[in-house]
Amino acid sequence: VELSDGRQGVFANLGNVQVGQIITVSRGAEQWNYIIVSIETVEPDDLTPLYPSEHARLTLITCADYNFFSDRYQVRTVVIADRVS
């Protein structure tokens, strides 16, 4: 969630989103809307959030719970959103 220079990373506020919230992804003139359907916390070695889905889905993953003693993040925050338009 932080860049190497200490600035906030792109997903620094991912922990503030809520189920039901809309996420808009834009590329050039194209735009897609997704609705958040779940927010999960998983272990770093849990790869199930990366498995393919049967429909258009957006999966956002970031690190959470930094441990200064081990110099690593303890868990991953996973936000799953289904495409609505």
Protein backbone atom coordinates (compact mmCIF):
# COMPACT_ATOMS: atom_id res chain seq x y z
CA VAL A 1 0.00 0.00 0.00
CA GLU A 2 3.04 2.25 0.18
CA LEU A 3 5.63 3.02 -2.45
CA SER A 4 9.32 2.55 -1.66
CA ASP A 5 9.64 6.31 -1.05
CA GLY A 6 6.86 6.25 1.58
CA ARG A 7 4.10 7.77 -0.58
CA GLN A 8 0.70 6.06 -0.68
CA GLY A 9 0.36 3.41 -3.35
CA VAL A 10 -2.51 3.19 -5.83
CA PHE A 11 -4.54 0.86 -3.56
CA ALA A 12 -3.77 2.62 -0.27
CA ASN A 13 -7.47 3.29 0.35
CA LEU A 14 -8.78 -0.06 -0.87
CA GLY A 15 -9.68 -0.96 2.72
CA ASN A 16 -12.23 1.88 2.74
CA VAL A 17 -14.48 0.52 -0.03
CA GLN A 18 -17.78 -1.19 0.75
CA VAL A 19 -19.89 -3.94 -0.77
CA GLY A 20 -22.36 -2.37 -3.21
CA GLN A 21 -20.04 0.46 -4.20
CA ILE A 22 -19.41 1.03 -7.92
CA ILE A 23 -15.87 0.97 -9.37
CA THR A 24 -15.34 2.58 -12.77
CA VAL A 25 -12.44 1.48 -14.96
CA SER A 26 -11.53 3.69 -17.92
CA ARG A 27 -9.20 3.17 -20.86
CA GLY A 28 -9.23 5.95 -23.41
CA ALA A 29 -12.86 6.53 -24.39
CA GLU A 30 -13.98 3.14 -23.05
CA GLN A 31 -15.50 2.78 -19.60
CA TRP A 32 -16.65 -0.22 -17.55
CA ASN A 33 -18.59 -0.25 -14.29
CA TYR A 34 -18.29 -2.93 -11.65
CA ILE A 35 -20.20 -3.41 -8.39
CA ILE A 36 -18.30 -4.67 -5.35
CA VAL A 37 -19.77 -8.02 -4.29
CA SER A 38 -17.23 -9.08 -1.65
CA ILE A 39 -14.25 -7.95 0.36
CA GLU A 40 -12.04 -10.66 1.80
CA THR A 41 -8.82 -11.03 3.73
CA VAL A 42 -6.62 -13.94 2.70
CA GLU A 43 -3.21 -15.34 3.58
CA PRO A 44 -0.36 -14.32 1.24
CA ASP A 45 -0.07 -17.86 -0.16
CA ASP A 46 -3.82 -18.19 -0.91
CA LEU A 47 -4.10 -18.06 -4.70
CA THR A 48 -7.84 -18.73 -4.95
CA PRO A 49 -8.65 -15.04 -5.66
CA LEU A 50 -6.64 -15.42 -8.89
CA TYR A 51 -8.71 -18.31 -10.24
CA PRO A 52 -10.70 -17.54 -13.41
CA SER A 53 -14.40 -16.71 -13.15
CA GLU A 54 -17.19 -17.55 -15.57
CA HIS A 55 -18.21 -13.92 -16.08
CA ALA A 56 -16.65 -10.46 -16.30
CA ARG A 57 -15.13 -9.75 -12.92
CA LEU A 58 -12.65 -7.28 -11.47
CA THR A 59 -10.33 -8.50 -8.71
CA LEU A 60 -8.26 -5.94 -6.80
CA ILE A 61 -5.59 -7.17 -4.38
CA THR A 62 -3.39 -5.26 -1.96
CA CYS A 63 -1.31 -6.01 1.11
CA ALA A 64 -2.40 -5.33 4.69
CA ASP A 65 -1.15 -5.62 8.28
CA TYR A 66 2.52 -4.78 7.89
CA ASN A 67 4.76 -6.41 10.49
CA PHE A 68 7.88 -4.33 11.17
CA PHE A 69 9.66 -7.24 12.89
CA SER A 70 9.37 -9.59 9.91
CA ASP A 71 9.43 -6.74 7.35
CA ARG A 72 6.43 -8.13 5.48
CA TYR A 73 2.70 -7.79 5.11
CA GLN A 74 0.74 -10.48 6.95
CA VAL A 75 -2.43 -10.68 4.81
CA ARG A 76 -3.91 -9.61 1.50
CA THR A 77 -7.10 -7.58 1.06
CA VAL A 78 -9.11 -8.83 -1.93
CA VAL A 79 -11.98 -6.84 -3.46
CA ILE A 80 -14.20 -8.70 -5.94
CA ALA A 81 -16.49 -6.69 -8.24
CA ASP A 82 -18.82 -7.96 -10.97
CA ARG A 83 -19.29 -6.03 -14.21
CA VAL A 84 -22.61 -4.21 -14.50
CA SER A 85 -22.02 -2.19 -17.70
